[in-house]
C-alpha atoms as a PDB file:
ATOM      1  CA  MET A   1     -13.561 -18.103  -8.321  1.00  0.00           C
ATOM      2  CA  THR A   2     -10.678 -15.968  -6.984  1.00  0.00           C
ATOM      3  CA  ALA A   3     -11.703 -12.457  -5.987  1.00  0.00           C
ATOM      4  CA  SER A   4     -10.692  -9.691  -8.439  1.00  0.00           C
ATOM      5  CA  ILE A   5      -7.739  -7.371  -8.103  1.00  0.00           C
ATOM      6  CA  VAL A   6      -8.738  -3.754  -8.800  1.00  0.00           C
ATOM      7  CA  ALA A   7      -6.268  -1.220 -10.182  1.00  0.00           C
ATOM      8  CA  ALA A   8      -7.134   2.460 -10.380  1.00  0.00           C
ATOM      9  CA  THR A   9      -5.732   4.576 -13.196  1.00  0.00           C
ATOM     10  CA  ASP A  10      -5.797   8.183 -14.350  1.00  0.00           C
ATOM     11  CA  PHE A  11      -3.482   7.249 -17.318  1.00  0.00           C
ATOM     12  CA  SER A  12      -0.501   9.007 -15.660  1.00  0.00           C
ATOM     13  CA  GLU A  13       2.936   7.393 -15.486  1.00  0.00           C
ATOM     14  CA  SER A  14       2.496   6.632 -11.827  1.00  0.00           C
ATOM     15  CA  ALA A  15      -0.808   4.878 -12.442  1.00  0.00           C
ATOM     16  CA  ARG A  16       0.802   2.914 -15.293  1.00  0.00           C
ATOM     17  CA  LEU A  17       3.261   1.439 -12.779  1.00  0.00           C
ATOM     18  CA  ALA A  18       0.364   0.475 -10.495  1.00  0.00           C
ATOM     19  CA  VAL A  19      -1.599  -1.177 -13.311  1.00  0.00           C
ATOM     20  CA  ARG A  20       1.445  -3.195 -14.436  1.00  0.00           C
ATOM     21  CA  ARG A  21       2.058  -4.431 -10.919  1.00  0.00           C
ATOM     22  CA  ALA A  22      -1.582  -5.340 -10.546  1.00  0.00           C
ATOM     23  CA  ALA A  23      -1.496  -7.332 -13.758  1.00  0.00           C
ATOM     24  CA  LEU A  24       1.607  -9.269 -12.573  1.00  0.00           C
ATOM     25  CA  LEU A  25      -0.133 -10.052  -9.287  1.00  0.00           C
ATOM     26  CA  ALA A  26      -3.291 -11.122 -11.097  1.00  0.00           C
ATOM     27  CA  ARG A  27      -1.206 -13.514 -13.230  1.00  0.00           C
ATOM     28  CA  GLN A  28       0.475 -14.929 -10.124  1.00  0.00           C
ATOM     29  CA  ARG A  29      -2.829 -15.355  -8.331  1.00  0.00           C
ATOM     30  CA  GLN A  30      -4.746 -16.493 -11.431  1.00  0.00           C
ATOM     31  CA  ALA A  31      -7.244 -13.776 -10.499  1.00  0.00           C
ATOM     32  CA  PRO A  32      -9.269 -11.477 -12.806  1.00  0.00           C
ATOM     33  CA  LEU A  33      -8.101  -7.879 -13.011  1.00  0.00           C
ATOM     34  CA  VAL A  34     -10.422  -4.894 -13.081  1.00  0.00           C
ATOM     35  CA  VAL A  35      -9.007  -1.570 -14.228  1.00  0.00           C
ATOM     36  CA  VAL A  36     -11.081   1.434 -13.154  1.00  0.00           C
ATOM     37  CA  HIS A  37     -10.962   5.039 -14.262  1.00  0.00           C
ATOM     38  CA  ALA A  38     -13.039   7.788 -12.733  1.00  0.00           C
ATOM     39  CA  PHE A  39     -14.198  10.339 -15.296  1.00  0.00           C
ATOM     40  CA  ASN A  40     -15.243  13.656 -13.749  1.00  0.00           C
ATOM     41  CA  ALA A  41     -17.064  15.688 -16.412  1.00  0.00           C
ATOM     42  CA  GLY A  42     -17.175  18.774 -14.211  1.00  0.00           C
ATOM     43  CA  LEU A  43     -13.460  18.734 -13.752  1.00  0.00           C
ATOM     44  CA  TRP A  44     -12.740  18.459 -17.485  1.00  0.00           C
ATOM     45  CA  ASN A  45     -15.065  21.385 -18.171  1.00  0.00           C
ATOM     46  CA  ILE A  46     -12.970  23.411 -15.744  1.00  0.00           C
ATOM     47  CA  LEU A  47      -9.758  22.276 -17.524  1.00  0.00           C
ATOM     48  CA  CYS A  48     -11.160  23.226 -20.913  1.00  0.00           C
ATOM     49  CA  ALA A  49     -12.140  26.647 -19.696  1.00  0.00           C
ATOM     50  CA  GLU A  50      -8.824  27.201 -17.984  1.00  0.00           C
ATOM     51  CA  PHE A  51      -6.761  26.338 -21.015  1.00  0.00           C
ATOM     52  CA  ASP A  52      -9.269  27.524 -23.597  1.00  0.00           C
ATOM     53  CA  LEU A  53      -9.496  24.143 -25.304  1.00  0.00           C
ATOM     54  CA  LEU A  54     -11.804  24.437 -28.257  1.00  0.00           C
ATOM     55  CA  GLY A  55     -12.958  22.158 -31.101  1.00  0.00           C
ATOM     56  CA  GLY A  56     -12.808  18.956 -29.055  1.00  0.00           C
ATOM     57  CA  ALA A  57      -9.553  17.718 -30.613  1.00  0.00           C
ATOM     58  CA  ALA A  58      -7.512  18.120 -27.410  1.00  0.00           C
ATOM     59  CA  VAL A  59     -10.259  17.613 -24.922  1.00  0.00           C
ATOM     60  CA  HIS A  60     -10.241  14.524 -22.649  1.00  0.00           C
ATOM     61  CA  THR A  61     -13.857  13.489 -23.193  1.00  0.00           C
ATOM     62  CA  GLU A  62     -15.756  10.551 -21.779  1.00  0.00           C
ATOM     63  CA  THR A  63     -15.445   8.857 -25.132  1.00  0.00           C
ATOM     64  CA  THR A  64     -11.646   9.203 -25.279  1.00  0.00           C
ATOM     65  CA  ALA A  65     -11.389   7.980 -21.686  1.00  0.00           C
ATOM     66  CA  ARG A  66     -13.384   4.886 -22.565  1.00  0.00           C
ATOM     67  CA  GLU A  67     -11.206   4.290 -25.620  1.00  0.00           C
ATOM     68  CA  ARG A  68      -8.002   4.639 -23.630  1.00  0.00           C
ATOM     69  CA  LEU A  69      -9.267   2.294 -20.964  1.00  0.00           C
ATOM     70  CA  ALA A  70     -10.228  -0.329 -23.528  1.00  0.00           C
ATOM     71  CA  GLY A  71      -6.863  -0.039 -25.190  1.00  0.00           C
ATOM     72  CA  LEU A  72      -5.088  -0.441 -21.892  1.00  0.00           C
ATOM     73  CA  CYS A  73      -7.087  -3.589 -21.094  1.00  0.00           C
ATOM     74  CA  ASP A  74      -6.232  -5.065 -24.467  1.00  0.00           C
ATOM     75  CA  GLU A  75      -2.575  -4.468 -23.807  1.00  0.00           C
ATOM     76  CA  LEU A  76      -2.680  -6.195 -20.458  1.00  0.00           C
ATOM     77  CA  ARG A  77      -4.499  -9.195 -21.856  1.00  0.00           C
ATOM     78  CA  ALA A  78      -1.882  -9.601 -24.593  1.00  0.00           C
ATOM     79  CA  GLU A  79       1.089  -9.055 -22.289  1.00  0.00           C
ATOM     80  CA  HIS A  80       0.018 -11.213 -19.313  1.00  0.00           C
ATOM     81  CA  GLY A  81      -2.613 -13.610 -20.633  1.00  0.00           C
ATOM     82  CA  ILE A  82      -5.090 -12.702 -17.916  1.00  0.00           C
ATOM     83  CA  ALA A  83      -8.818 -11.872 -17.719  1.00  0.00           C
ATOM     84  CA  VAL A  84      -9.072  -8.063 -17.684  1.00  0.00           C
ATOM     85  CA  ARG A  85     -12.076  -5.745 -17.901  1.00  0.00           C
ATOM     86  CA  GLY A  86     -12.280  -1.986 -17.721  1.00  0.00           C
ATOM     87  CA  GLU A  87     -14.771  -0.014 -15.654  1.00  0.00           C
ATOM     88  CA  LEU A  88     -15.373   3.637 -16.490  1.00  0.00           C
ATOM     89  CA  LEU A  89     -16.759   5.337 -13.368  1.00  0.00           C
ATOM     90  CA  THR A  90     -18.191   8.817 -13.198  1.00  0.00           C
ATOM     91  CA  GLY A  91     -17.797  11.478 -10.565  1.00  0.00           C
ATOM     92  CA  ARG A  92     -15.012  12.389  -8.214  1.00  0.00           C
ATOM     93  CA  ALA A  93     -12.292   9.726  -8.004  1.00  0.00           C
ATOM     94  CA  THR A  94     -12.394   8.998  -4.279  1.00  0.00           C
ATOM     95  CA  ALA A  95     -16.211   8.694  -4.076  1.00  0.00           C
ATOM     96  CA  ALA A  96     -16.587   6.765  -7.368  1.00  0.00           C
ATOM     97  CA  ILE A  97     -13.815   4.224  -6.618  1.00  0.00           C
ATOM     98  CA  SER A  98     -14.971   3.748  -3.045  1.00  0.00           C
ATOM     99  CA  ALA A  99     -18.516   3.095  -4.193  1.00  0.00           C
ATOM    100  CA  PHE A 100     -17.298   0.629  -6.826  1.00  0.00           C
ATOM    101  CA  LEU A 101     -15.257  -1.311  -4.235  1.00  0.00           C
ATOM    102  CA  ARG A 102     -18.272  -1.603  -1.978  1.00  0.00           C
ATOM    103  CA  GLU A 103     -20.269  -3.262  -4.749  1.00  0.00           C
ATOM    104  CA  CYS A 104     -17.696  -5.626  -6.231  1.00  0.00           C
ATOM    105  CA  GLU A 105     -15.931  -8.619  -4.802  1.00  0.00           C
ATOM    106  CA  ALA A 106     -12.305  -7.563  -4.683  1.00  0.00           C
ATOM    107  CA  SER A 107      -9.315  -8.811  -2.706  1.00  0.00           C
ATOM    108  CA  LEU A 108      -6.887  -5.977  -3.338  1.00  0.00           C
ATOM    109  CA  LEU A 109      -6.854  -2.365  -4.590  1.00  0.00           C
ATOM    110  CA  VAL A 110      -3.668  -1.142  -6.363  1.00  0.00           C
ATOM    111  CA  VAL A 111      -2.954   2.532  -6.748  1.00  0.00           C
ATOM    112  CA  GLY A 112      -0.096   4.749  -7.888  1.00  0.00           C
ATOM    113  CA  GLU A 113       1.687   7.318  -5.813  1.00  0.00           C
ATOM    114  CA  HIS A 114       1.207  10.408  -7.950  1.00  0.00           C
ATOM    115  CA  GLY A 115      -1.021  11.497 -10.750  1.00  0.00           C
ATOM    116  CA  GLU A 116      -1.370  14.477 -13.107  1.00  0.00           C
ATOM    117  CA  ASN A 117      -0.307  17.302 -10.820  1.00  0.00           C
ATOM    118  CA  TRP A 118      -2.845  19.996 -11.511  1.00  0.00           C
ATOM    119  CA  LEU A 119      -6.016  19.810  -9.431  1.00  0.00           C
ATOM    120  CA  ARG A 120      -6.109  17.581  -6.342  1.00  0.00           C
ATOM    121  CA  GLU A 121      -9.202  15.674  -7.489  1.00  0.00           C
ATOM    122  CA  ALA A 122      -7.733  15.246 -11.004  1.00  0.00           C
ATOM    123  CA  MET A 123      -4.810  13.149  -9.843  1.00  0.00           C
ATOM    124  CA  LEU A 124      -4.914   9.632  -8.454  1.00  0.00           C
ATOM    125  CA  GLY A 125      -2.227  10.648  -6.014  1.00  0.00           C
ATOM    126  CA  GLY A 126      -4.609  13.144  -4.516  1.00  0.00           C
ATOM    127  CA  THR A 127      -7.128  10.366  -3.747  1.00  0.00           C
ATOM    128  CA  ALA A 128      -4.717   7.562  -2.867  1.00  0.00           C
ATOM    129  CA  LEU A 129      -4.467   8.488   0.830  1.00  0.00           C
ATOM    130  CA  LYS A 130      -8.226   8.918   1.096  1.00  0.00           C
ATOM    131  CA  LEU A 131      -8.758   5.533  -0.422  1.00  0.00           C
ATOM    132  CA  MET A 132      -6.269   4.003   1.960  1.00  0.00           C
ATOM    133  CA  GLU A 133      -8.043   5.592   4.858  1.00  0.00           C
ATOM    134  CA  SER A 134     -11.500   4.426   3.847  1.00  0.00           C
ATOM    135  CA  ALA A 135     -10.914   1.140   2.079  1.00  0.00           C
ATOM    136  CA  ARG A 136     -12.029  -2.021   3.830  1.00  0.00           C
ATOM    137  CA  LEU A 137      -9.700  -4.183   1.799  1.00  0.00           C
ATOM    138  CA  PRO A 138      -5.903  -4.156   1.440  1.00  0.00           C
ATOM    139  CA  VAL A 139      -4.457  -1.333  -0.654  1.00  0.00           C
ATOM    140  CA  LEU A 140      -1.114  -1.622  -2.481  1.00  0.00           C
ATOM    141  CA  LEU A 141       0.705   1.700  -3.119  1.00  0.00           C
ATOM    142  CA  VAL A 142       3.090   1.185  -6.053  1.00  0.00           C
ATOM    143  CA  ARG A 143       6.268   3.250  -6.446  1.00  0.00           C
ATOM    144  CA  ARG A 144       8.538   1.021  -8.485  1.00  0.00           C
ATOM    145  CA  PRO A 145       8.291  -0.542 -11.983  1.00  0.00           C
ATOM    146  CA  ALA A 146       6.966  -4.079 -11.969  1.00  0.00           C
ATOM    147  CA  THR A 147      10.011  -5.632 -13.646  1.00  0.00           C
ATOM    148  CA  ARG A 148       9.733  -8.902 -11.650  1.00  0.00           C
ATOM    149  CA  GLU A 149       7.807 -10.548  -8.865  1.00  0.00           C
ATOM    150  CA  TYR A 150       8.340  -9.259  -5.304  1.00  0.00           C
ATOM    151  CA  GLY A 151      11.469 -10.948  -3.921  1.00  0.00           C
ATOM    152  CA  ARG A 152      12.061  -9.325  -0.529  1.00  0.00           C
ATOM    153  CA  VAL A 153       9.165  -8.419   1.755  1.00  0.00           C
ATOM    154  CA  VAL A 154       9.305  -6.676   5.124  1.00  0.00           C
ATOM    155  CA  VAL A 155       6.278  -7.132   7.399  1.00  0.00           C
ATOM    156  CA  ALA A 156       6.240  -4.515  10.125  1.00  0.00           C
ATOM    157  CA  THR A 157       4.530  -5.851  13.276  1.00  0.00           C
ATOM    158  CA  ASP A 158       3.555  -4.710  16.726  1.00  0.00           C
ATOM    159  CA  TYR A 159       2.089  -8.172  17.322  1.00  0.00           C
ATOM    160  CA  SER A 160      -1.459  -6.821  17.080  1.00  0.00           C
ATOM    161  CA  THR A 161      -4.378  -8.466  15.364  1.00  0.00           C
ATOM    162  CA  THR A 162      -4.062  -6.068  12.458  1.00  0.00           C
ATOM    163  CA  ALA A 163      -0.386  -6.935  12.063  1.00  0.00           C
ATOM    164  CA  SER A 164      -1.319 -10.619  12.071  1.00  0.00           C
ATOM    165  CA  ARG A 165      -3.748 -10.079   9.207  1.00  0.00           C
ATOM    166  CA  ALA A 166      -0.967  -8.277   7.244  1.00  0.00           C
ATOM    167  CA  ALA A 167       1.511 -11.082   7.850  1.00  0.00           C
ATOM    168  CA  ARG A 168      -0.937 -13.826   6.875  1.00  0.00           C
ATOM    169  CA  LEU A 169      -1.968 -11.970   3.707  1.00  0.00           C
ATOM    170  CA  VAL A 170       1.602 -11.438   2.562  1.00  0.00           C
ATOM    171  CA  LEU A 171       2.483 -15.096   3.213  1.00  0.00           C
ATOM    172  CA  ASP A 172      -0.546 -16.165   1.173  1.00  0.00           C
ATOM    173  CA  LEU A 173       0.001 -13.580  -1.601  1.00  0.00           C
ATOM    174  CA  LEU A 174       3.814 -14.038  -1.979  1.00  0.00           C
ATOM    175  CA  PRO A 175       4.730 -17.534  -0.715  1.00  0.00           C
ATOM    176  CA  GLY A 176       7.907 -17.617  -2.781  1.00  0.00           C
ATOM    177  CA  ALA A 177       9.390 -14.334  -1.540  1.00  0.00           C
ATOM    178  CA  GLN A 178      11.929 -13.831   1.275  1.00  0.00           C
ATOM    179  CA  HIS A 179       9.953 -12.561   4.264  1.00  0.00           C
ATOM    180  CA  TYR A 180      11.267 -10.496   7.125  1.00  0.00           C
ATOM    181  CA  LEU A 181       9.136 -10.031  10.238  1.00  0.00           C
ATOM    182  CA  LEU A 182      10.225  -6.780  11.858  1.00  0.00           C
ATOM    183  CA  ASN A 183       9.441  -5.402  15.277  1.00  0.00           C
ATOM    184  CA  ALA A 184      10.744  -2.101  16.701  1.00  0.00           C
ATOM    185  CA  TYR A 185      10.994  -1.969  20.466  1.00  0.00           C
ATOM    186  CA  SER A 186      11.826   0.869  22.857  1.00  0.00           C
ATOM    187  CA  VAL A 187      11.862   1.803  26.543  1.00  0.00           C
ATOM    188  CA  GLN A 188       8.820   3.908  27.344  1.00  0.00           C
ATOM    189  CA  PHE A 189       9.668   7.282  28.929  1.00  0.00           C
ATOM    190  CA  GLU A 190      13.426   6.652  28.540  1.00  0.00           C
ATOM    191  CA  GLY A 191      14.168  10.334  28.334  1.00  0.00           C
ATOM    192  CA  ARG A 192      12.206  11.083  31.540  1.00  0.00           C
ATOM    193  CA  MET A 193      14.008   8.293  33.294  1.00  0.00           C
ATOM    194  CA  ARG A 194      17.310  10.012  32.584  1.00  0.00           C
ATOM    195  CA  LEU A 195      15.962  13.246  33.937  1.00  0.00           C
ATOM    196  CA  ALA A 196      14.873  11.374  37.037  1.00  0.00           C
ATOM    197  CA  GLY A 197      18.377  10.126  37.593  1.00  0.00           C
ATOM    198  CA  ALA A 198      18.512   6.779  35.757  1.00  0.00           C
ATOM    199  CA  THR A 199      22.062   5.792  34.812  1.00  0.00           C
ATOM    200  CA  ASP A 200      23.277   4.424  31.483  1.00  0.00           C
ATOM    201  CA  GLU A 201      23.446   1.012  33.147  1.00  0.00           C
ATOM    202  CA  ASP A 202      19.808   1.320  34.236  1.00  0.00           C
ATOM    203  CA  ILE A 203      18.750   2.281  30.730  1.00  0.00           C
ATOM    204  CA  ALA A 204      20.754  -0.606  29.236  1.00  0.00           C
ATOM    205  CA  GLY A 205      19.025  -3.008  31.624  1.00  0.00           C
ATOM    206  CA  PHE A 206      15.585  -1.694  30.664  1.00  0.00           C
ATOM    207  CA  ARG A 207      16.485  -2.030  26.950  1.00  0.00           C
ATOM    208  CA  GLU A 208      17.623  -5.569  27.422  1.00  0.00           C
ATOM    209  CA  ARG A 209      14.366  -6.479  29.132  1.00  0.00           C
ATOM    210  CA  GLU A 210      12.373  -4.948  26.289  1.00  0.00           C
ATOM    211  CA  ARG A 211      14.495  -6.734  23.723  1.00  0.00           C
ATOM    212  CA  GLN A 212      13.771 -10.101  25.438  1.00  0.00           C
ATOM    213  CA  ARG A 213      10.067  -9.303  25.494  1.00  0.00           C
ATOM    214  CA  ALA A 214      10.153  -8.331  21.794  1.00  0.00           C
ATOM    215  CA  GLU A 215      11.887 -11.635  20.882  1.00  0.00           C
ATOM    216  CA  GLN A 216       9.379 -13.638  22.875  1.00  0.00           C
ATOM    217  CA  GLY A 217       6.543 -11.731  21.201  1.00  0.00           C
ATOM    218  CA  MET A 218       8.125 -12.400  17.788  1.00  0.00           C
ATOM    219  CA  ALA A 219       8.337 -16.140  18.408  1.00  0.00           C
ATOM    220  CA  ALA A 220       4.630 -16.310  19.375  1.00  0.00           C
ATOM    221  CA  PHE A 221       3.664 -14.069  16.438  1.00  0.00           C
ATOM    222  CA  ALA A 222       5.449 -16.235  13.896  1.00  0.00           C
ATOM    223  CA  ILE A 223       3.738 -19.343  15.190  1.00  0.00           C
ATOM    224  CA  ASP A 224       0.357 -17.634  15.217  1.00  0.00           C
ATOM    225  CA  CYS A 225       0.791 -16.464  11.621  1.00  0.00           C
ATOM    226  CA  ASP A 226       2.015 -19.858  10.416  1.00  0.00           C
ATOM    227  CA  TYR A 227       5.475 -18.592   9.557  1.00  0.00           C
ATOM    228  CA  GLN A 228       7.259 -21.477  11.305  1.00  0.00           C
ATOM    229  CA  ALA A 229       6.251 -23.740   8.440  1.00  0.00           C
ATOM    230  CA  ALA A 230       7.293 -21.207   5.789  1.00  0.00           C
ATOM    231  CA  GLY A 231      10.593 -21.763   4.019  1.00  0.00           C
ATOM    232  CA  GLN A 232      12.114 -18.305   3.601  1.00  0.00           C
ATOM    233  CA  TRP A 233      11.613 -15.953   6.554  1.00  0.00           C
ATOM    234  CA  ALA A 234      13.659 -14.260   9.221  1.00  0.00           C
ATOM    235  CA  PRO A 235      12.714 -12.425  12.420  1.00  0.00           C
ATOM    236  CA  ILE A 236      14.261  -9.013  13.241  1.00  0.00           C
ATOM    237  CA  VAL A 237      13.881  -7.030  16.447  1.00  0.00           C
ATOM    238  CA  ALA A 238      15.522  -3.655  16.623  1.00  0.00           C
ATOM    239  CA  HIS A 239      15.577  -0.794  19.121  1.00  0.00           C
ATOM    240  CA  GLY A 240      14.229   2.606  18.104  1.00  0.00           C
ATOM    241  CA  TYR A 241      11.261   4.629  17.035  1.00  0.00           C
ATOM    242  CA  PRO A 242       9.041   2.333  14.911  1.00  0.00           C
ATOM    243  CA  ALA A 243       8.857   4.412  11.761  1.00  0.00           C
ATOM    244  CA  THR A 244      12.600   5.122  11.724  1.00  0.00           C
ATOM    245  CA  VAL A 245      13.491   1.452  12.387  1.00  0.00           C
ATOM    246  CA  VAL A 246      11.165   0.085   9.687  1.00  0.00           C
ATOM    247  CA  LEU A 247      12.316   2.587   7.076  1.00  0.00           C
ATOM    248  CA  GLU A 248      16.010   1.950   7.821  1.00  0.00           C
ATOM    249  CA  GLN A 249      15.619  -1.838   7.868  1.00  0.00           C
ATOM    250  CA  ALA A 250      13.549  -1.887   4.709  1.00  0.00           C
ATOM    251  CA  HIS A 251      16.218   0.199   2.933  1.00  0.00           C
ATOM    252  CA  ALA A 252      19.095  -1.896   4.257  1.00  0.00           C
ATOM    253  CA  LEU A 253      17.410  -5.143   3.182  1.00  0.00           C
ATOM    254  CA  GLN A 254      16.615  -3.696  -0.247  1.00  0.00           C
ATOM    255  CA  ALA A 255      12.993  -4.630   0.260  1.00  0.00           C
ATOM    256  CA  ASP A 256      10.670  -4.680  -2.736  1.00  0.00           C
ATOM    257  CA  LEU A 257       7.580  -4.441  -0.562  1.00  0.00           C
ATOM    258  CA  LEU A 258       6.739  -3.163   2.936  1.00  0.00           C
ATOM    259  CA  ALA A 259       3.557  -4.522   4.511  1.00  0.00           C
ATOM    260  CA  VAL A 260       1.931  -2.788   7.477  1.00  0.00           C
ATOM    261  CA  GLY A 261      -1.380  -2.993   9.327  1.00  0.00           C
ATOM    262  CA  LYS A 262      -3.635  -0.031   9.373  1.00  0.00           C
ATOM    263  CA  HIS A 263      -4.086   1.521  12.818  1.00  0.00           C
ATOM    264  CA  SER A 264      -6.228   4.385  13.956  1.00  0.00           C
ATOM    265  CA  GLY A 265      -4.527   7.701  14.660  1.00  0.00           C
ATOM    266  CA  GLY A 266      -5.223  10.057  17.518  1.00  0.00           C
ATOM    267  CA  SER A 267      -5.502  13.383  15.778  1.00  0.00           C
ATOM    268  CA  VAL A 268      -7.845  14.943  13.305  1.00  0.00           C
ATOM    269  CA  GLU A 269      -5.179  14.878  10.579  1.00  0.00           C
ATOM    270  CA  ALA A 270      -4.454  11.205  11.197  1.00  0.00           C
ATOM    271  CA  ARG A 271      -7.905  10.162  12.318  1.00  0.00           C
ATOM    272  CA  LEU A 272      -7.822   6.928  10.347  1.00  0.00           C
ATOM    273  CA  LEU A 273      -4.103   6.257   9.601  1.00  0.00           C
ATOM    274  CA  GLY A 274      -1.743   6.422  12.546  1.00  0.00           C
ATOM    275  CA  SER A 275       1.360   8.664  12.525  1.00  0.00           C
ATOM    276  CA  VAL A 276       3.728   5.677  12.094  1.00  0.00           C
ATOM    277  CA  THR A 277       1.673   4.334   9.167  1.00  0.00           C
ATOM    278  CA  GLN A 278       1.618   7.760   7.489  1.00  0.00           C
ATOM    279  CA  ASN A 279       5.364   8.095   7.905  1.00  0.00           C
ATOM    280  CA  LEU A 280       5.878   4.730   6.180  1.00  0.00           C
ATOM    281  CA  LEU A 281       3.490   5.575   3.366  1.00  0.00           C
ATOM    282  CA  TYR A 282       5.195   8.898   2.644  1.00  0.00           C
ATOM    283  CA  HIS A 283       8.830   7.948   3.117  1.00  0.00           C
ATOM    284  CA  ALA A 284       9.323   4.261   2.191  1.00  0.00           C
ATOM    285  CA  ASP A 285      11.335   3.926  -0.987  1.00  0.00           C
ATOM    286  CA  CYS A 286       9.583   0.692  -1.978  1.00  0.00           C
ATOM    287  CA  ASP A 287       5.970  -0.361  -2.591  1.00  0.00           C
ATOM    288  CA  VAL A 288       3.744  -0.382   0.505  1.00  0.00           C
ATOM    289  CA  LEU A 289       0.884  -2.763   1.268  1.00  0.00           C
ATOM    290  CA  LEU A 290      -1.646  -1.452   3.802  1.00  0.00           C
ATOM    291  CA  VAL A 291      -3.855  -4.025   5.444  1.00  0.00           C
ATOM    292  CA  PRO A 292      -6.994  -3.088   7.429  1.00  0.00           C
END
């Protein structure tokens, strides 16, 4: 049986986009969909006290959460004709969802970009980055409405093992899409070379050498990831800072999805997600698939 796709929701508009995309992917993959909601009783007690909610009519209780989740699953079954089940989790969203993912057999986690902007732990957006850092499975960050299947996909690659996993996953997940394999190359210490007296001709020569290396690497990467046999794909190598190049190319190509491998960062702030990956997550104007 195909592993489940898991979609997390806090019933916000952003989470609705994520759940709809997850349902579309589940239908494409003929995979079961699990929709999870983390109910934090302590949080809602704080909300009730803060806004002086009395009588229970306006209070988001565990019962109402369960009812909303069941209703959402019913809608998805009717709209997409897929197997859907809801899971009401308890506790803080990050911990509860992470624990659930460790226990279930899932192939993909789908999350929204923002949630209900009040308390950090109340919103899915506040936990999305943490889940992306800690998850051992691919995580799809959804920004756009799921009006159709993904048509244009950019796979950012540095030719690493992680990038290979991302490319293979996207090819398997979206075989009918137009795929672009993108590598950003640069001359290391170019600025210092100029200070040391390197001429424009010298720099141009170094750039040309790096471009040739990038193209050779791309050819080997495409073969390794089985893209040579794929019908719709194109290689792109471009000079510049990786995050800038990837964002500009994805925008120019009107990409629906940007796929990137998860690399370790070197600072406390980016201890699990590298700076380039964080830039792409924050600034890409399309959906982003993060592959560990």
